[in-house]
Structures are given as C-alpha cells and as structure tokens.
C-alpha cells in the first residue's frame, strides 16, 4: 500500500472499528477523499471487492451495497459466473472445476469463490486525478485438496478518480489473467461490470432510466446497444442526482442488461465465452459517472465523448 503521506490533495484512510484486542474485521473499507470531500471507499466484503459508498459532488450516496433482493449486487462491482478451471492430475489429464464469482452461494451447482484485494497503490497524477492500482486474487472456496483456497486468476484493477463540480468520474479498467491453470469464462448473463442504484433512485421508485438513443426504461433498453445508460431521480430536498455507466472501446458494442429495479450491467460475456491461457488477459474498461442533477444537467453525453 502506498503511503498516504505522498498524497497532497487526496487521502486514503481505513475505517476505525473498535474490536477486542487481537480481533480483526473480515470486511473493511479504505475511504477515499479529495480535499476533505468524500468520494468513495475501496470496500472488501466476504465475496468481492467493490466501490462503496459512491458520492456525488454534493455528497449524495448513489448506490446500494447489498440489497435484499440481490445481496451480491455490491454498488459498483465486478464479477463473473461460469468460471471453469482445468486442473491437472495423474498422467497429465485434466479435470474441469466449476466456480462462480458472482453469487454469494452455490449457484446452479457452481461453488462461490471470492475476489480478494491483496494490494493497492495510490498515485496522485494531478491535483484532481487519483489513480489506484489494485491487485486482486480470484480464489476458489475452501475445499478438500485446497484448504487455503486456489488462486485461479489475478486481476489488476486500475481506478482513475476525477472529482468535479457536477460529477465525479470513476474510470475502472479490469485486466484479468489466469494464475496457474487454463480458464474458460462464460458465456454467462451474470457478469461483468455492475452498478446498483440505491433505494429511491430506481425506476420502480420514480427515477428515470434513459440511454444515449433516448430509450426510456429497462424493457426498452435491455438487449439494445447504446453508448451509455443513466439513471437519475429525486433525492433530499427536491434535488436530483444519478449515475451513468459508459463503456470504453474495449467493452463497447455489447447489448445492455438493465432493470427498473436498479441494475445497470455492461457484460462482454453475455453471448460468448473467453479462454484464458498463460499470458492471456481479459482487458475491459468502463466509466462510472456519479452526478448531481439529471442526465442533461450533468451532461452525461459530454462525459461519453471523453472516453
């Protein structure tokens, strides 16, 4: 972890949790602030690492950490189901081991793994630009033959944070490499970049979801290709705020899955799977725009032009 003292305009600080001597918290957060203003936190849960809370410039939190209907929807997160690992055994033959890195339980017969942050480095590239380079291990469950888990893949997650007056930008690039064994991921409808709106900022609660072509609502947008999708609604004091998801070129051109109950997903694995051998990498990136005002006031279309 890069020392906090090297940062002049940004700060990274862990949550202070009062625990008995010798105890430690399995889940934790590393809070990210800019000139004293809360932006987000690198959060580590039992099953994955994600960004939560995520704030607009005015200080409104936009996402839900673990909603009751889908507790595996963790704010701004990355995950993938149908992760198949080819393990060698006697005679040079291979066995296929099946895992999921999306749902928190055994899902369709696949055991849940965890995406675990092992290191993070911070670099202040400008007074209003912080780059976080996070190393994460995609680990299988504790099981017979692997009492300390298998690390199946290693992810480098680069998060560029740019605070602004109307919107805070979070550019997230995920580079996923096989660790020791060949992998195959997907096809699966449960992947890859996800955004889950907080209660009150869902279409079912009166919010508005719209894409770059002007389609409105989950039914009209899902299955379509669009440059971006935004969801915004009324927050405290009659003000409006929202969040948008914008794919970079590496993740562009895939059909969206969005829902009126608050989920926006960019999923390059929905229709095809990817083989990962030693030296290969999956490399996808998106921009999260967390903004005050509605889609026009925040100029989400202009935010897309910058990617």
Protein backbone atom coordinates (compact mmCIF):
# COMPACT_ATOMS: atom_id res chain seq x y z
CA UNK A 1 0.00 0.00 0.00
CA UNK A 2 1.37 3.40 -0.99
CA UNK A 3 1.91 5.64 1.99
CA UNK A 4 -0.84 8.19 2.47
CA UNK A 5 1.71 10.92 3.16
CA UNK A 6 2.68 11.06 -0.53
CA UNK A 7 -0.76 12.37 -1.46
CA UNK A 8 -1.36 16.11 -1.26
CA UNK A 9 -4.97 16.59 -2.40
CA UNK A 10 -6.39 13.11 -1.88
CA UNK A 11 -6.40 10.92 1.21
CA UNK A 12 -6.88 7.21 1.86
CA UNK A 13 -7.91 6.16 5.33
CA UNK A 14 -9.17 2.88 6.75
CA UNK A 15 -12.31 2.64 8.86
CA UNK A 16 -11.64 2.74 12.57
CA UNK A 17 -13.55 -0.22 14.02
CA UNK A 18 -13.47 -0.88 17.77
CA UNK A 19 -12.79 -4.61 18.24
CA UNK A 20 -11.41 -6.67 21.13
CA UNK A 21 -7.65 -6.98 21.31
CA UNK A 22 -6.39 -9.49 18.77
CA UNK A 23 -9.58 -9.43 16.68
CA UNK A 24 -9.82 -8.15 13.12
CA UNK A 25 -12.64 -7.36 10.73
CA UNK A 26 -13.09 -9.74 7.79
CA UNK A 27 -14.64 -6.91 5.78
CA UNK A 28 -13.09 -3.46 5.62
CA UNK A 29 -13.04 -0.17 3.75
CA UNK A 30 -10.37 2.25 2.57
CA UNK A 31 -12.04 5.65 2.37
CA UNK A 32 -11.04 7.94 -0.50
CA UNK A 33 -11.40 11.72 -0.03
CA UNK A 34 -10.43 14.76 -2.04
CA UNK A 35 -9.60 17.89 -0.05
CA UNK A 36 -11.75 16.51 2.75
CA UNK A 37 -14.67 15.63 0.48
CA UNK A 38 -15.90 12.02 0.50
CA UNK A 39 -15.70 10.33 -2.91
CA UNK A 40 -15.90 6.59 -2.34
CA UNK A 41 -14.27 3.71 -0.50
CA UNK A 42 -12.45 0.58 -1.60
CA UNK A 43 -14.61 -1.97 0.17
CA UNK A 44 -13.72 -5.60 0.74
CA UNK A 45 -16.60 -7.93 1.52
CA UNK A 46 -16.68 -11.65 2.11
CA UNK A 47 -17.03 -12.42 -1.60
CA UNK A 48 -15.74 -9.47 -3.63
CA UNK A 49 -14.06 -6.09 -3.68
CA UNK A 50 -16.08 -3.10 -4.84
CA UNK A 51 -16.56 0.68 -4.60
CA UNK A 52 -19.00 1.71 -1.86
CA UNK A 53 -20.21 4.26 -0.85
CA UNK A 54 -20.08 6.35 -4.03
CA UNK A 55 -20.92 10.05 -3.68
CA UNK A 56 -21.93 12.89 -5.97
CA UNK A 57 -20.07 16.21 -5.59
CA UNK A 58 -22.90 17.45 -3.34
CA UNK A 59 -22.45 14.41 -1.08
CA UNK A 60 -25.39 12.20 -2.08
CA UNK A 61 -24.75 8.44 -1.99
CA UNK A 62 -25.97 6.83 -5.22
CA UNK A 63 -25.59 3.07 -4.81
CA UNK A 64 -26.75 0.16 -2.68
CA UNK A 65 -24.16 -2.10 -1.05
CA UNK A 66 -26.12 -5.34 -0.67
CA UNK A 67 -29.85 -5.05 -1.47
CA UNK A 68 -32.17 -7.70 -0.06
CA UNK A 69 -33.35 -8.86 -3.47
CA UNK A 70 -29.82 -9.39 -4.83
CA UNK A 71 -27.27 -9.27 -1.96
CA UNK A 72 -24.46 -9.94 -4.44
CA UNK A 73 -25.09 -6.63 -6.21
CA UNK A 74 -22.39 -4.61 -4.46
CA UNK A 75 -22.63 -0.95 -5.53
CA UNK A 76 -20.02 -0.61 -8.31
CA UNK A 77 -18.63 -4.12 -8.71
CA UNK A 78 -17.01 -6.70 -10.98
CA UNK A 79 -17.83 -10.39 -11.06
CA UNK A 80 -18.39 -13.37 -13.35
CA UNK A 81 -20.21 -16.67 -13.22
CA UNK A 82 -19.28 -19.82 -15.19
CA UNK A 83 -15.56 -19.70 -14.37
CA UNK A 84 -14.13 -23.09 -15.35
CA UNK A 85 -10.62 -24.11 -14.33
CA UNK A 86 -8.72 -27.04 -15.85
CA UNK A 87 -6.75 -28.80 -13.13
CA UNK A 88 -4.11 -31.45 -13.94
CA UNK A 89 -3.98 -34.81 -12.23
CA UNK A 90 -2.02 -38.06 -12.66
CA UNK A 91 -0.97 -38.93 -16.19
CA UNK A 92 -1.25 -35.37 -17.48
CA UNK A 93 -5.03 -35.49 -17.84
CA UNK A 94 -7.24 -32.56 -16.88
CA UNK A 95 -10.36 -32.19 -14.77
CA UNK A 96 -12.74 -29.26 -15.08
CA UNK A 97 -13.53 -27.44 -11.83
CA UNK A 98 -16.51 -25.08 -11.93
CA UNK A 99 -16.84 -21.90 -9.86
CA UNK A 100 -18.90 -18.75 -9.70
CA UNK A 101 -17.57 -15.32 -8.75
CA UNK A 102 -20.93 -13.58 -8.87
CA UNK A 103 -23.48 -15.06 -6.47
CA UNK A 104 -22.66 -15.49 -2.79
CA UNK A 105 -23.96 -19.06 -2.65
CA UNK A 106 -23.66 -22.26 -4.63
CA UNK A 107 -25.35 -21.31 -7.88
CA UNK A 108 -26.51 -23.89 -10.43
CA UNK A 109 -24.01 -26.31 -8.91
CA UNK A 110 -21.02 -23.95 -9.00
CA UNK A 111 -19.27 -23.14 -5.73
CA UNK A 112 -18.81 -19.46 -4.82
CA UNK A 113 -15.29 -18.07 -4.92
CA UNK A 114 -14.09 -14.71 -3.67
CA UNK A 115 -12.37 -11.74 -5.29
CA UNK A 116 -9.89 -10.60 -2.66
CA UNK A 117 -7.75 -7.46 -2.70
CA UNK A 118 -4.15 -8.19 -1.78
CA UNK A 119 -2.55 -4.83 -2.60
CA UNK A 120 -3.37 -1.29 -3.63
CA UNK A 121 -1.08 1.52 -4.75
CA UNK A 122 -2.11 5.16 -5.00
CA UNK A 123 -0.64 7.81 -7.27
CA UNK A 124 -1.76 11.43 -7.49
CA UNK A 125 -1.42 12.26 -11.19
CA UNK A 126 -2.83 15.78 -10.81
CA UNK A 127 -4.49 17.90 -8.16
CA UNK A 128 -7.84 16.43 -9.26
CA UNK A 129 -6.77 12.99 -10.52
CA UNK A 130 -6.04 9.96 -8.34
CA UNK A 131 -5.03 6.58 -9.75
CA UNK A 132 -5.49 3.46 -7.66
CA UNK A 133 -3.86 0.24 -8.86
CA UNK A 134 -5.43 -2.69 -7.06
CA UNK A 135 -4.23 -6.30 -7.22
CA UNK A 136 -6.96 -8.86 -6.60
CA UNK A 137 -6.89 -12.66 -6.39
CA UNK A 138 -9.86 -14.62 -7.74
CA UNK A 139 -9.82 -17.50 -5.26
CA UNK A 140 -11.87 -20.66 -5.19
CA UNK A 141 -13.65 -21.79 -2.00
CA UNK A 142 -12.05 -23.64 0.89
CA UNK A 143 -12.33 -27.25 -0.23
CA UNK A 144 -10.77 -30.69 0.05
CA UNK A 145 -7.37 -30.51 -1.56
CA UNK A 146 -7.28 -26.72 -1.26
CA UNK A 147 -7.75 -25.86 2.44
CA UNK A 148 -6.32 -22.36 1.86
CA UNK A 149 -8.18 -21.83 -1.47
CA UNK A 150 -6.80 -21.90 -5.01
CA UNK A 151 -5.93 -18.62 -6.70
CA UNK A 152 -7.40 -19.16 -10.15
CA UNK A 153 -6.84 -15.70 -11.63
CA UNK A 154 -5.10 -12.44 -10.81
CA UNK A 155 -6.79 -9.15 -11.64
CA UNK A 156 -5.19 -5.75 -11.97
CA UNK A 157 -7.94 -3.19 -11.41
CA UNK A 158 -6.95 0.37 -12.25
CA UNK A 159 -9.32 3.02 -10.90
CA UNK A 160 -8.89 6.61 -12.07
CA UNK A 161 -10.86 9.05 -9.92
CA UNK A 162 -11.56 12.60 -11.06
CA UNK A 163 -13.73 14.73 -8.76
CA UNK A 164 -15.69 17.57 -10.35
CA UNK A 165 -18.26 20.26 -9.65
CA UNK A 166 -21.23 18.42 -11.16
CA UNK A 167 -19.98 14.85 -11.47
CA UNK A 168 -17.33 12.57 -10.02
CA UNK A 169 -15.78 10.24 -12.61
CA UNK A 170 -14.59 6.73 -11.82
CA UNK A 171 -12.81 5.03 -14.73
CA UNK A 172 -12.35 1.33 -13.98
CA UNK A 173 -10.13 -0.94 -16.06
CA UNK A 174 -10.01 -4.66 -15.29
CA UNK A 175 -7.17 -6.84 -16.59
CA UNK A 176 -7.75 -10.49 -15.66
CA UNK A 177 -5.08 -13.16 -16.13
CA UNK A 178 -5.04 -16.88 -15.43
CA UNK A 179 -2.84 -17.77 -12.46
CA UNK A 180 -1.50 -21.35 -12.80
CA UNK A 181 -4.14 -23.15 -14.85
CA UNK A 182 -6.10 -22.54 -18.03
CA UNK A 183 -9.52 -20.96 -17.55
CA UNK A 184 -12.69 -20.51 -19.55
CA UNK A 185 -15.21 -17.85 -18.54
CA UNK A 186 -18.77 -17.65 -19.85
CA UNK A 187 -20.94 -17.32 -21.72
CA UNK A 188 -23.00 -16.08 -18.80
CA UNK A 189 -25.63 -13.45 -18.15
CA UNK A 190 -24.04 -12.85 -14.72
CA UNK A 191 -21.00 -10.64 -15.46
CA UNK A 192 -19.03 -8.21 -15.58
CA UNK A 193 -19.30 -4.52 -14.63
CA UNK A 194 -22.33 -3.73 -12.50
CA UNK A 195 -23.95 -0.65 -10.98
CA UNK A 196 -26.76 -0.98 -8.44
CA UNK A 197 -28.75 2.15 -7.62
CA UNK A 198 -29.77 2.89 -4.07
CA UNK A 199 -33.33 2.72 -2.81
CA UNK A 200 -35.34 5.69 -4.03
CA UNK A 201 -33.24 6.04 -7.18
CA UNK A 202 -34.79 3.19 -9.12
CA UNK A 203 -37.41 3.38 -11.85
CA UNK A 204 -39.76 1.44 -9.58
CA UNK A 205 -39.38 4.31 -7.07
CA UNK A 206 -39.94 7.06 -9.61
CA UNK A 207 -36.46 7.51 -11.10
CA UNK A 208 -35.81 7.80 -14.84
CA UNK A 209 -33.55 5.43 -16.76
CA UNK A 210 -32.51 6.54 -20.24
CA UNK A 211 -29.88 5.57 -22.81
CA UNK A 212 -27.94 7.55 -25.42
CA UNK A 213 -30.62 6.91 -28.06
CA UNK A 214 -33.39 8.25 -25.85
CA UNK A 215 -34.93 4.89 -24.97
CA UNK A 216 -36.55 5.00 -21.53
CA UNK A 217 -36.89 2.17 -19.00
CA UNK A 218 -35.40 -1.27 -18.55
CA UNK A 219 -37.63 -3.08 -21.05
CA UNK A 220 -36.78 -0.69 -23.88
CA UNK A 221 -33.02 -0.53 -23.16
CA UNK A 222 -32.15 -4.15 -22.29
CA UNK A 223 -30.86 -6.12 -25.26
CA UNK A 224 -30.01 -2.95 -27.16
CA UNK A 225 -26.59 -1.48 -27.93
CA UNK A 226 -26.02 2.06 -26.70
CA UNK A 227 -23.11 4.32 -25.79
CA UNK A 228 -24.32 4.90 -22.24
CA UNK A 229 -27.18 4.42 -19.78
CA UNK A 230 -28.12 6.83 -16.99
CA UNK A 231 -30.48 6.53 -14.03
CA UNK A 232 -31.45 9.62 -12.02
CA UNK A 233 -34.17 10.73 -9.67
CA UNK A 234 -35.14 12.96 -6.80
CA UNK A 235 -33.01 12.99 -3.66
CA UNK A 236 -33.18 15.04 -0.45
CA UNK A 237 -34.69 18.50 -0.58
CA UNK A 238 -36.23 18.02 -4.01
CA UNK A 239 -32.85 17.94 -5.72
CA UNK A 240 -31.97 15.38 -8.40
CA UNK A 241 -28.96 13.14 -8.75
CA UNK A 242 -27.98 9.94 -10.51
CA UNK A 243 -25.32 7.72 -12.01
CA UNK A 244 -24.38 6.61 -15.51
CA UNK A 245 -22.41 3.70 -16.91
CA UNK A 246 -20.31 4.31 -20.04
CA UNK A 247 -18.28 1.53 -21.71
CA UNK A 248 -14.85 2.33 -23.11
CA UNK A 249 -13.99 0.96 -26.55
CA UNK A 250 -12.86 -2.38 -25.09
CA UNK A 251 -16.34 -3.03 -23.63
CA UNK A 252 -18.45 -1.21 -26.22
CA UNK A 253 -20.91 -2.75 -28.67
CA UNK A 254 -22.41 -5.37 -26.37
CA UNK A 255 -26.15 -5.50 -25.58
CA UNK A 256 -27.11 -3.95 -22.27
CA UNK A 257 -28.88 -5.59 -19.39
CA UNK A 258 -30.63 -3.04 -17.19
CA UNK A 259 -33.60 -3.30 -14.89
CA UNK A 260 -36.20 -0.96 -13.47
CA UNK A 261 -35.30 -2.23 -10.00
CA UNK A 262 -31.95 -0.51 -10.27
CA UNK A 263 -29.26 -2.55 -12.01
CA UNK A 264 -27.10 -1.46 -14.96
CA UNK A 265 -24.71 -4.02 -16.45
CA UNK A 266 -22.01 -4.00 -19.13
CA UNK A 267 -21.35 -7.64 -19.94
CA UNK A 268 -18.98 -8.68 -22.76
CA UNK A 269 -19.52 -12.31 -21.70
CA UNK A 270 -23.28 -12.47 -22.24
CA UNK A 271 -23.11 -14.13 -25.65
CA UNK A 272 -19.62 -15.61 -25.85
CA UNK A 273 -17.07 -17.20 -23.58
CA UNK A 274 -13.38 -16.42 -23.27
CA UNK A 275 -10.47 -18.84 -22.94
CA UNK A 276 -7.61 -17.67 -20.75
CA UNK A 277 -4.26 -19.42 -21.08
CA UNK A 278 -0.95 -18.42 -19.53
CA UNK A 279 -0.03 -14.96 -20.77
CA UNK A 280 -3.56 -14.12 -21.92
CA UNK A 281 -5.62 -11.35 -20.37
CA UNK A 282 -9.18 -10.12 -20.49
CA UNK A 283 -8.99 -6.33 -20.66
CA UNK A 284 -12.18 -4.27 -20.32
CA UNK A 285 -12.87 -0.75 -19.05
CA UNK A 286 -15.87 1.43 -18.22
CA UNK A 287 -16.60 4.87 -16.83
CA UNK A 288 -18.97 5.45 -13.92
CA UNK A 289 -20.38 8.99 -13.79
CA UNK A 290 -21.82 9.84 -10.37
CA UNK A 291 -23.57 13.15 -10.74
CA UNK A 292 -25.80 15.83 -9.30
CA UNK A 293 -28.78 16.91 -11.41
CA UNK A 294 -30.45 14.87 -14.15
CA UNK A 295 -28.87 13.38 -17.24
CA UNK A 296 -28.91 16.67 -19.15
CA UNK A 297 -27.79 18.88 -16.27
CA UNK A 298 -24.84 16.56 -15.69
CA UNK A 299 -24.04 16.44 -19.45
CA UNK A 300 -23.64 12.66 -19.46
CA UNK A 301 -23.42 12.74 -23.25
CA UNK A 302 -20.40 15.02 -22.93
CA UNK A 303 -18.84 12.59 -20.44
CA UNK A 304 -19.12 9.87 -23.10
CA UNK A 305 -17.24 11.99 -25.63
CA UNK A 306 -14.22 11.90 -23.35
CA UNK A 307 -13.83 8.11 -23.32
